[in-house]
Structures are given as C-alpha cells and as structure tokens.
Amino acid sequence: MTTTDPYRLDGGAENPYPAGTGADRDGTGRDGVTKDGIVRTALWLALVISTVGNMAASFGAASTEVHLVCGAVTALCATVLVVRHLRGRR
C-alpha cells in the first residue's frame, strides 16, 4: 500500500483549485499573474510615486513645473484607474 505524505512538495503543475474557485476566479483553470494585474499595479505605483514626489516638491520649494508634472501624472493615473474599474464592472 502506498501512502502519500501531505507535506511533500512534488512540484506538480496541476492547479489545486477547481475552476472558478479560490485563486482561480475567472474559471479558466489558470491562476497567477495577468496583464491586467501588472497594469493595475504599475498604475498604483505611479500614482503613489507622483503623489509623494509632489509632496516632496512642496516641502523642498521646487519649481512650478515639477508640481505640474507630478500633478498631471497623479491625475492621469487616478483617471485611468477609475475608468478601468468602471469598465470592469460591466
């Protein structure tokens, strides 16, 4: 009789979740990093960096151009995130 060790990692490629549950919510049988997730993460990262850059420019008495660039990037990222969110709800 063969016993299976539940703590053994055999490196199998099968998905432990049935389609549509757990980490696989889209029902494709795959889980992991998607292009949409990478874009969303990059947008959030750019939003945070531009916001912190604008705050640092305020404390450092930087020129108006620095404030405008940081503000424009912040507004653009926020707009794209909202549009993507609203389109994803349909």
N, C-alpha and C. Protein backbone atom coordinates (compact mmCIF):
# COMPACT_ATOMS: atom_id res chain seq x y z
N MET A 1 0.84 -1.17 0.00
CA MET A 1 0.00 0.00 0.00
C MET A 1 0.89 1.24 0.00
N THR A 2 0.61 2.17 -0.88
CA THR A 2 1.38 3.39 -0.98
C THR A 2 0.70 4.48 -0.16
N THR A 3 1.51 5.17 0.64
CA THR A 3 0.96 6.28 1.40
C THR A 3 1.45 7.59 0.80
N THR A 4 0.68 8.60 0.96
CA THR A 4 1.03 9.91 0.44
C THR A 4 1.34 10.82 1.60
N ASP A 5 2.49 11.45 1.53
CA ASP A 5 2.88 12.40 2.55
C ASP A 5 2.27 13.75 2.22
N PRO A 6 1.37 14.28 3.08
CA PRO A 6 0.72 15.56 2.74
C PRO A 6 1.66 16.75 2.80
N TYR A 7 2.84 16.59 3.39
CA TYR A 7 3.79 17.70 3.50
C TYR A 7 4.85 17.68 2.42
N ARG A 8 4.79 16.71 1.54
CA ARG A 8 5.78 16.59 0.49
C ARG A 8 5.41 17.50 -0.68
N LEU A 9 6.38 18.27 -1.13
CA LEU A 9 6.17 19.13 -2.29
C LEU A 9 6.78 18.45 -3.50
N ASP A 10 5.94 17.96 -4.39
CA ASP A 10 6.47 17.25 -5.54
C ASP A 10 6.64 18.14 -6.76
N GLY A 11 6.24 19.42 -6.66
CA GLY A 11 6.45 20.33 -7.78
C GLY A 11 5.51 20.09 -8.93
N GLY A 12 4.37 19.47 -8.67
CA GLY A 12 3.41 19.20 -9.73
C GLY A 12 2.85 20.47 -10.33
N ALA A 13 2.48 20.41 -11.59
CA ALA A 13 2.00 21.59 -12.30
C ALA A 13 0.48 21.72 -12.26
N GLU A 14 -0.22 20.76 -11.67
CA GLU A 14 -1.67 20.84 -11.69
C GLU A 14 -2.18 21.94 -10.75
N ASN A 15 -3.32 22.46 -11.08
CA ASN A 15 -3.94 23.51 -10.30
C ASN A 15 -4.73 22.87 -9.15
N PRO A 16 -4.43 23.23 -7.90
CA PRO A 16 -5.12 22.60 -6.78
C PRO A 16 -6.54 23.11 -6.58
N TYR A 17 -6.94 24.14 -7.33
CA TYR A 17 -8.27 24.72 -7.16
C TYR A 17 -9.16 24.32 -8.33
N PRO A 18 -10.39 23.94 -8.08
CA PRO A 18 -11.32 23.70 -9.19
C PRO A 18 -11.58 25.02 -9.92
N ALA A 19 -11.96 24.91 -11.17
CA ALA A 19 -12.18 26.12 -11.98
C ALA A 19 -13.27 26.99 -11.36
N GLY A 20 -12.99 28.28 -11.25
CA GLY A 20 -13.96 29.23 -10.75
C GLY A 20 -13.96 29.43 -9.25
N THR A 21 -13.03 28.81 -8.54
CA THR A 21 -13.00 28.96 -7.08
C THR A 21 -11.60 29.32 -6.64
N GLY A 22 -11.48 29.77 -5.42
CA GLY A 22 -10.17 30.02 -4.82
C GLY A 22 -9.37 31.04 -5.59
N ALA A 23 -8.12 30.69 -5.90
CA ALA A 23 -7.23 31.61 -6.60
C ALA A 23 -7.59 31.73 -8.07
N ASP A 24 -8.44 30.82 -8.56
CA ASP A 24 -8.82 30.83 -9.97
C ASP A 24 -10.26 31.32 -10.09
N ARG A 25 -10.45 32.61 -10.04
CA ARG A 25 -11.81 33.16 -10.03
C ARG A 25 -12.37 33.38 -11.44
N ASP A 26 -11.54 33.37 -12.44
CA ASP A 26 -12.06 33.64 -13.78
C ASP A 26 -12.54 32.38 -14.48
N GLY A 27 -12.34 31.22 -13.90
CA GLY A 27 -12.86 29.99 -14.45
C GLY A 27 -12.08 29.41 -15.60
N THR A 28 -10.87 29.88 -15.84
CA THR A 28 -10.08 29.38 -16.96
C THR A 28 -9.22 28.18 -16.57
N GLY A 29 -9.15 27.87 -15.29
CA GLY A 29 -8.30 26.79 -14.86
C GLY A 29 -6.86 27.22 -14.64
N ARG A 30 -6.61 28.53 -14.74
CA ARG A 30 -5.27 29.05 -14.54
C ARG A 30 -5.30 30.08 -13.42
N ASP A 31 -4.22 30.18 -12.72
CA ASP A 31 -4.08 31.24 -11.74
C ASP A 31 -2.70 31.85 -11.92
N GLY A 32 -2.50 33.01 -11.37
CA GLY A 32 -1.20 33.64 -11.50
C GLY A 32 -1.32 35.08 -11.89
N VAL A 33 -0.24 35.59 -12.44
CA VAL A 33 -0.14 37.00 -12.79
C VAL A 33 -0.75 37.22 -14.18
N THR A 34 -1.59 38.25 -14.26
CA THR A 34 -2.20 38.59 -15.54
C THR A 34 -1.70 39.95 -16.01
N LYS A 35 -1.91 40.23 -17.28
CA LYS A 35 -1.52 41.54 -17.82
C LYS A 35 -2.30 42.65 -17.13
N ASP A 36 -3.57 42.40 -16.86
CA ASP A 36 -4.41 43.39 -16.18
C ASP A 36 -3.87 43.69 -14.78
N GLY A 37 -3.42 42.66 -14.08
CA GLY A 37 -2.86 42.86 -12.74
C GLY A 37 -1.57 43.66 -12.76
N ILE A 38 -0.75 43.42 -13.76
CA ILE A 38 0.51 44.16 -13.89
C ILE A 38 0.24 45.63 -14.18
N VAL A 39 -0.71 45.89 -15.09
CA VAL A 39 -1.04 47.28 -15.43
C VAL A 39 -1.61 48.00 -14.22
N ARG A 40 -2.52 47.34 -13.49
CA ARG A 40 -3.11 47.96 -12.31
C ARG A 40 -2.05 48.26 -11.25
N THR A 41 -1.14 47.33 -11.03
CA THR A 41 -0.07 47.55 -10.06
C THR A 41 0.84 48.69 -10.49
N ALA A 42 1.17 48.75 -11.78
CA ALA A 42 2.02 49.83 -12.28
C ALA A 42 1.34 51.19 -12.14
N LEU A 43 0.03 51.23 -12.39
CA LEU A 43 -0.70 52.48 -12.23
C LEU A 43 -0.72 52.94 -10.78
N TRP A 44 -0.98 52.02 -9.86
CA TRP A 44 -0.97 52.38 -8.43
C TRP A 44 0.41 52.84 -8.00
N LEU A 45 1.44 52.17 -8.49
CA LEU A 45 2.81 52.55 -8.13
C LEU A 45 3.14 53.95 -8.66
N ALA A 46 2.76 54.23 -9.89
CA ALA A 46 2.99 55.57 -10.46
C ALA A 46 2.19 56.62 -9.70
N LEU A 47 0.98 56.28 -9.29
CA LEU A 47 0.16 57.22 -8.53
C LEU A 47 0.81 57.57 -7.20
N VAL A 48 1.28 56.55 -6.49
CA VAL A 48 1.91 56.79 -5.19
C VAL A 48 3.20 57.59 -5.35
N ILE A 49 4.02 57.21 -6.33
CA ILE A 49 5.30 57.91 -6.53
C ILE A 49 5.06 59.37 -6.92
N SER A 50 4.09 59.63 -7.79
CA SER A 50 3.84 61.01 -8.19
C SER A 50 3.25 61.83 -7.05
N THR A 51 2.44 61.20 -6.22
CA THR A 51 1.89 61.92 -5.07
C THR A 51 2.98 62.26 -4.06
N VAL A 52 3.84 61.29 -3.78
CA VAL A 52 4.95 61.54 -2.86
C VAL A 52 5.92 62.56 -3.47
N GLY A 53 6.14 62.49 -4.77
CA GLY A 53 7.00 63.47 -5.44
C GLY A 53 6.44 64.87 -5.35
N ASN A 54 5.14 65.00 -5.49
CA ASN A 54 4.51 66.31 -5.38
C ASN A 54 4.62 66.84 -3.95
N MET A 55 4.46 65.95 -2.97
CA MET A 55 4.59 66.36 -1.58
C MET A 55 6.04 66.78 -1.28
N ALA A 56 6.99 66.01 -1.78
CA ALA A 56 8.39 66.36 -1.56
C ALA A 56 8.75 67.66 -2.26
N ALA A 57 8.16 67.90 -3.43
CA ALA A 57 8.40 69.16 -4.13
C ALA A 57 7.84 70.34 -3.34
N SER A 58 6.74 70.13 -2.67
CA SER A 58 6.16 71.19 -1.85
C SER A 58 7.07 71.53 -0.67
N PHE A 59 7.58 70.51 -0.02
CA PHE A 59 8.46 70.76 1.13
C PHE A 59 9.82 71.28 0.70
N GLY A 60 10.26 70.94 -0.50
CA GLY A 60 11.57 71.36 -0.98
C GLY A 60 11.55 72.64 -1.77
N ALA A 61 10.42 73.27 -1.88
CA ALA A 61 10.29 74.52 -2.62
C ALA A 61 10.78 74.38 -4.06
N ALA A 62 10.29 73.34 -4.74
CA ALA A 62 10.67 73.11 -6.13
C ALA A 62 9.91 74.05 -7.06
N SER A 63 10.28 74.03 -8.30
CA SER A 63 9.67 74.94 -9.27
C SER A 63 8.24 74.49 -9.59
N THR A 64 7.53 75.38 -10.24
CA THR A 64 6.14 75.11 -10.59
C THR A 64 6.02 73.96 -11.59
N GLU A 65 7.00 73.82 -12.46
CA GLU A 65 6.97 72.75 -13.46
C GLU A 65 6.97 71.37 -12.80
N VAL A 66 7.74 71.22 -11.73
CA VAL A 66 7.77 69.93 -11.02
C VAL A 66 6.40 69.62 -10.44
N HIS A 67 5.76 70.63 -9.84
CA HIS A 67 4.42 70.44 -9.29
C HIS A 67 3.42 70.07 -10.39
N LEU A 68 3.52 70.75 -11.53
CA LEU A 68 2.59 70.48 -12.62
C LEU A 68 2.76 69.07 -13.18
N VAL A 69 4.00 68.64 -13.34
CA VAL A 69 4.25 67.29 -13.87
C VAL A 69 3.74 66.23 -12.89
N CYS A 70 4.08 66.40 -11.62
CA CYS A 70 3.62 65.43 -10.62
C CYS A 70 2.09 65.42 -10.53
N GLY A 71 1.48 66.60 -10.56
CA GLY A 71 0.03 66.67 -10.51
C GLY A 71 -0.63 66.06 -11.73
N ALA A 72 -0.06 66.29 -12.90
CA ALA A 72 -0.61 65.71 -14.13
C ALA A 72 -0.52 64.19 -14.12
N VAL A 73 0.62 63.65 -13.67
CA VAL A 73 0.78 62.20 -13.59
C VAL A 73 -0.20 61.62 -12.58
N THR A 74 -0.37 62.28 -11.44
CA THR A 74 -1.31 61.82 -10.43
C THR A 74 -2.73 61.80 -10.98
N ALA A 75 -3.14 62.88 -11.64
CA ALA A 75 -4.49 62.97 -12.20
C ALA A 75 -4.71 61.92 -13.29
N LEU A 76 -3.71 61.73 -14.13
CA LEU A 76 -3.81 60.74 -15.20
C LEU A 76 -3.95 59.32 -14.65
N CYS A 77 -3.12 58.97 -13.69
CA CYS A 77 -3.19 57.63 -13.10
C CYS A 77 -4.53 57.40 -12.40
N ALA A 78 -4.99 58.40 -11.65
CA ALA A 78 -6.27 58.26 -10.96
C ALA A 78 -7.41 58.11 -11.96
N THR A 79 -7.38 58.87 -13.03
CA THR A 79 -8.43 58.77 -14.04
C THR A 79 -8.44 57.41 -14.71
N VAL A 80 -7.27 56.92 -15.09
CA VAL A 80 -7.18 55.61 -15.74
C VAL A 80 -7.64 54.50 -14.79
N LEU A 81 -7.27 54.57 -13.52
CA LEU A 81 -7.71 53.56 -12.56
C LEU A 81 -9.23 53.57 -12.40
N VAL A 82 -9.83 54.74 -12.33
CA VAL A 82 -11.29 54.82 -12.19
C VAL A 82 -11.98 54.29 -13.45
N VAL A 83 -11.49 54.67 -14.61
CA VAL A 83 -12.10 54.21 -15.87
C VAL A 83 -12.00 52.69 -15.99
N ARG A 84 -10.84 52.14 -15.68
CA ARG A 84 -10.66 50.69 -15.74
C ARG A 84 -11.58 49.99 -14.75
N HIS A 85 -11.76 50.57 -13.58
CA HIS A 85 -12.64 49.97 -12.58
C HIS A 85 -14.10 49.98 -13.07
N LEU A 86 -14.53 51.12 -13.60
CA LEU A 86 -15.91 51.21 -14.07
C LEU A 86 -16.17 50.32 -15.28
N ARG A 87 -15.23 50.19 -16.17
CA ARG A 87 -15.38 49.29 -17.32
C ARG A 87 -15.38 47.82 -16.90
N GLY A 88 -14.64 47.51 -15.85
CA GLY A 88 -14.57 46.13 -15.37
C GLY A 88 -15.83 45.68 -14.67
N ARG A 89 -16.67 46.62 -14.24
CA ARG A 89 -17.90 46.26 -13.55
C ARG A 89 -18.99 45.80 -14.50
N ARG A 90 -18.87 46.11 -15.78
CA ARG A 90 -19.92 45.74 -16.73
C ARG A 90 -19.87 44.29 -17.08
